[in-house]
């Protein structure tokens, strides 16, 4: 499988270091669609603050991906649902760290989550 980023430079706003406009996946063997994943511990209790929830989210995502014999290196798309726009910077930093600086198409949406304790939820697509 080949993953080819596409970020045209002419006639469109520029992509940033941690963002690409699109990723083309050539010859994928499998595609994994991961439901919105929250910063909950194994007992279903949300992390006490944003940093802890982001840590739990990425830990949970790693476990989900591993169950499909994938890693964060297989992620090709992320949608973030943030309870507050103020969480965008921390969310981006956690994503950059988790992906080792690899840029993928991403969208962040500010929403009212189902529970006030849920600060961030991530939905990903992974391929191999």
C-alpha atoms as a PDB file:
ATOM      1  CA  UNK A   1       0.000   0.000   0.000  1.00  0.00           C
ATOM      2  CA  UNK A   2       1.223   3.472  -0.864  1.00  0.00           C
ATOM      3  CA  UNK A   3       0.055   6.631   0.869  1.00  0.00           C
ATOM      4  CA  UNK A   4       0.503   9.792  -1.184  1.00  0.00           C
ATOM      5  CA  UNK A   5      -0.178  13.209   0.383  1.00  0.00           C
ATOM      6  CA  UNK A   6      -1.792  15.874  -1.804  1.00  0.00           C
ATOM      7  CA  UNK A   7      -1.528  19.542  -0.864  1.00  0.00           C
ATOM      8  CA  UNK A   8      -1.659  21.704  -3.988  1.00  0.00           C
ATOM      9  CA  UNK A   9       0.014  25.080  -3.646  1.00  0.00           C
ATOM     10  CA  UNK A  10      -1.696  27.059  -6.392  1.00  0.00           C
ATOM     11  CA  UNK A  11      -5.188  28.515  -6.058  1.00  0.00           C
ATOM     12  CA  UNK A  12      -5.835  27.150  -2.553  1.00  0.00           C
ATOM     13  CA  UNK A  13      -4.870  28.090   0.976  1.00  0.00           C
ATOM     14  CA  UNK A  14      -1.614  26.473   2.121  1.00  0.00           C
ATOM     15  CA  UNK A  15      -1.461  23.305   4.177  1.00  0.00           C
ATOM     16  CA  UNK A  16       0.352  23.548   7.490  1.00  0.00           C
ATOM     17  CA  UNK A  17       3.202  21.371   8.747  1.00  0.00           C
ATOM     18  CA  UNK A  18       0.832  19.021  10.596  1.00  0.00           C
ATOM     19  CA  UNK A  19      -1.951  19.000   7.977  1.00  0.00           C
ATOM     20  CA  UNK A  20      -2.424  17.897   4.374  1.00  0.00           C
ATOM     21  CA  UNK A  21      -5.450  18.578   2.228  1.00  0.00           C
ATOM     22  CA  UNK A  22      -5.802  14.944   1.167  1.00  0.00           C
ATOM     23  CA  UNK A  23      -4.161  11.540   1.283  1.00  0.00           C
ATOM     24  CA  UNK A  24      -4.450   9.118  -1.591  1.00  0.00           C
ATOM     25  CA  UNK A  25      -4.269   5.466  -0.583  1.00  0.00           C
ATOM     26  CA  UNK A  26      -3.092   3.229  -3.391  1.00  0.00           C
ATOM     27  CA  UNK A  27      -3.721  -0.481  -3.043  1.00  0.00           C
ATOM     28  CA  UNK A  28      -5.156  -0.710   0.477  1.00  0.00           C
ATOM     29  CA  UNK A  29      -5.647  -4.222   1.791  1.00  0.00           C
ATOM     30  CA  UNK A  30      -8.038  -3.316   4.585  1.00  0.00           C
ATOM     31  CA  UNK A  31      -9.799  -0.212   5.871  1.00  0.00           C
ATOM     32  CA  UNK A  32     -10.691   0.223   9.536  1.00  0.00           C
ATOM     33  CA  UNK A  33     -13.317   2.810  10.517  1.00  0.00           C
ATOM     34  CA  UNK A  34     -12.992   3.635  14.213  1.00  0.00           C
ATOM     35  CA  UNK A  35     -16.036   5.065  15.981  1.00  0.00           C
ATOM     36  CA  UNK A  36     -15.708   8.161  18.117  1.00  0.00           C
ATOM     37  CA  UNK A  37     -13.225   7.235  20.822  1.00  0.00           C
ATOM     38  CA  UNK A  38     -13.286   9.064  24.137  1.00  0.00           C
ATOM     39  CA  UNK A  39     -10.860   9.679  26.970  1.00  0.00           C
ATOM     40  CA  UNK A  40     -12.374   7.059  29.241  1.00  0.00           C
ATOM     41  CA  UNK A  41     -10.448   4.586  31.376  1.00  0.00           C
ATOM     42  CA  UNK A  42     -11.245   0.828  31.317  1.00  0.00           C
ATOM     43  CA  UNK A  43     -14.013   1.392  33.887  1.00  0.00           C
ATOM     44  CA  UNK A  44     -15.635   4.012  31.621  1.00  0.00           C
ATOM     45  CA  UNK A  45     -14.570   6.945  33.809  1.00  0.00           C
ATOM     46  CA  UNK A  46     -13.448  10.077  31.945  1.00  0.00           C
ATOM     47  CA  UNK A  47      -9.987  11.511  32.576  1.00  0.00           C
ATOM     48  CA  UNK A  48      -9.956  14.317  35.145  1.00  0.00           C
ATOM     49  CA  UNK A  49      -8.807  16.995  32.694  1.00  0.00           C
ATOM     50  CA  UNK A  50      -8.133  17.586  29.006  1.00  0.00           C
ATOM     51  CA  UNK A  51      -4.535  16.319  29.114  1.00  0.00           C
ATOM     52  CA  UNK A  52      -5.557  13.064  30.775  1.00  0.00           C
ATOM     53  CA  UNK A  53      -8.454  12.550  28.364  1.00  0.00           C
ATOM     54  CA  UNK A  54      -6.182  13.073  25.356  1.00  0.00           C
ATOM     55  CA  UNK A  55      -3.722  10.562  26.812  1.00  0.00           C
ATOM     56  CA  UNK A  56      -6.538   8.054  27.338  1.00  0.00           C
ATOM     57  CA  UNK A  57      -7.953   8.624  23.847  1.00  0.00           C
ATOM     58  CA  UNK A  58      -4.654   7.855  22.162  1.00  0.00           C
ATOM     59  CA  UNK A  59      -4.106   4.854  24.432  1.00  0.00           C
ATOM     60  CA  UNK A  60      -7.596   3.590  23.565  1.00  0.00           C
ATOM     61  CA  UNK A  61      -6.976   4.175  19.854  1.00  0.00           C
ATOM     62  CA  UNK A  62      -3.719   2.234  20.022  1.00  0.00           C
ATOM     63  CA  UNK A  63      -5.563  -0.707  21.611  1.00  0.00           C
ATOM     64  CA  UNK A  64      -8.343  -0.599  19.008  1.00  0.00           C
ATOM     65  CA  UNK A  65      -5.834  -0.414  16.162  1.00  0.00           C
ATOM     66  CA  UNK A  66      -3.777  -3.254  17.676  1.00  0.00           C
ATOM     67  CA  UNK A  67      -6.901  -5.432  17.746  1.00  0.00           C
ATOM     68  CA  UNK A  68      -6.899  -5.075  13.944  1.00  0.00           C
ATOM     69  CA  UNK A  69      -3.121  -5.577  13.777  1.00  0.00           C
ATOM     70  CA  UNK A  70      -2.587  -1.902  12.958  1.00  0.00           C
ATOM     71  CA  UNK A  71      -0.803   1.025  14.614  1.00  0.00           C
ATOM     72  CA  UNK A  72      -1.153   4.806  14.537  1.00  0.00           C
ATOM     73  CA  UNK A  73       1.021   4.640  11.404  1.00  0.00           C
ATOM     74  CA  UNK A  74      -2.033   3.241   9.607  1.00  0.00           C
ATOM     75  CA  UNK A  75      -4.217   6.279  10.396  1.00  0.00           C
ATOM     76  CA  UNK A  76      -5.072   8.278   7.265  1.00  0.00           C
ATOM     77  CA  UNK A  77      -7.914  10.509   8.543  1.00  0.00           C
ATOM     78  CA  UNK A  78      -8.927  12.044  11.888  1.00  0.00           C
ATOM     79  CA  UNK A  79     -12.041  13.933  12.920  1.00  0.00           C
ATOM     80  CA  UNK A  80     -11.903  15.580  16.345  1.00  0.00           C
ATOM     81  CA  UNK A  81     -15.002  16.575  18.268  1.00  0.00           C
ATOM     82  CA  UNK A  82     -14.106  19.213  20.856  1.00  0.00           C
ATOM     83  CA  UNK A  83     -16.372  20.420  23.620  1.00  0.00           C
ATOM     84  CA  UNK A  84     -14.655  23.835  23.415  1.00  0.00           C
ATOM     85  CA  UNK A  85     -12.616  25.629  20.752  1.00  0.00           C
ATOM     86  CA  UNK A  86     -10.083  26.255  23.519  1.00  0.00           C
ATOM     87  CA  UNK A  87      -9.109  22.561  23.286  1.00  0.00           C
ATOM     88  CA  UNK A  88      -7.921  22.794  19.671  1.00  0.00           C
ATOM     89  CA  UNK A  89      -4.266  23.551  20.410  1.00  0.00           C
ATOM     90  CA  UNK A  90      -3.856  20.761  22.981  1.00  0.00           C
ATOM     91  CA  UNK A  91      -5.702  18.345  20.697  1.00  0.00           C
ATOM     92  CA  UNK A  92      -3.418  19.207  17.771  1.00  0.00           C
ATOM     93  CA  UNK A  93      -0.316  18.809  19.947  1.00  0.00           C
ATOM     94  CA  UNK A  94      -1.491  15.381  21.143  1.00  0.00           C
ATOM     95  CA  UNK A  95      -2.192  14.336  17.539  1.00  0.00           C
ATOM     96  CA  UNK A  96       1.224  15.515  16.333  1.00  0.00           C
ATOM     97  CA  UNK A  97       2.926  13.637  19.165  1.00  0.00           C
ATOM     98  CA  UNK A  98       0.878  10.463  18.655  1.00  0.00           C
ATOM     99  CA  UNK A  99       1.542  10.420  14.908  1.00  0.00           C
ATOM    100  CA  UNK A 100       5.206  11.315  15.273  1.00  0.00           C
ATOM    101  CA  UNK A 101       4.695  14.493  13.260  1.00  0.00           C
ATOM    102  CA  UNK A 102       3.137  12.663  10.288  1.00  0.00           C
ATOM    103  CA  UNK A 103       0.498  14.866   8.678  1.00  0.00           C
ATOM    104  CA  UNK A 104      -2.944  13.470   7.850  1.00  0.00           C
ATOM    105  CA  UNK A 105      -6.184  15.127   6.771  1.00  0.00           C
ATOM    106  CA  UNK A 106      -7.945  16.247   9.922  1.00  0.00           C
ATOM    107  CA  UNK A 107     -11.039  18.197  10.871  1.00  0.00           C
ATOM    108  CA  UNK A 108     -11.911  19.596  14.295  1.00  0.00           C
ATOM    109  CA  UNK A 109     -15.524  20.333  15.132  1.00  0.00           C
ATOM    110  CA  UNK A 110     -16.767  22.089  18.270  1.00  0.00           C
ATOM    111  CA  UNK A 111     -19.798  20.220  19.600  1.00  0.00           C
ATOM    112  CA  UNK A 112     -21.847  19.663  22.687  1.00  0.00           C
ATOM    113  CA  UNK A 113     -20.869  16.133  23.683  1.00  0.00           C
ATOM    114  CA  UNK A 114     -23.289  13.629  25.160  1.00  0.00           C
ATOM    115  CA  UNK A 115     -21.767  14.057  28.599  1.00  0.00           C
ATOM    116  CA  UNK A 116     -20.294  17.266  29.994  1.00  0.00           C
ATOM    117  CA  UNK A 117     -17.350  15.211  31.290  1.00  0.00           C
ATOM    118  CA  UNK A 118     -16.346  14.173  27.757  1.00  0.00           C
ATOM    119  CA  UNK A 119     -14.053  16.933  26.501  1.00  0.00           C
ATOM    120  CA  UNK A 120     -12.731  15.391  23.270  1.00  0.00           C
ATOM    121  CA  UNK A 121     -13.716  12.511  21.020  1.00  0.00           C
ATOM    122  CA  UNK A 122     -11.711  11.277  18.022  1.00  0.00           C
ATOM    123  CA  UNK A 123     -12.872   9.316  15.028  1.00  0.00           C
ATOM    124  CA  UNK A 124     -10.222   7.810  12.736  1.00  0.00           C
ATOM    125  CA  UNK A 125      -9.844   5.875   9.515  1.00  0.00           C
ATOM    126  CA  UNK A 126      -6.884   3.518   9.205  1.00  0.00           C
ATOM    127  CA  UNK A 127      -5.722   1.440   6.238  1.00  0.00           C
ATOM    128  CA  UNK A 128      -3.094  -1.147   5.508  1.00  0.00           C
END
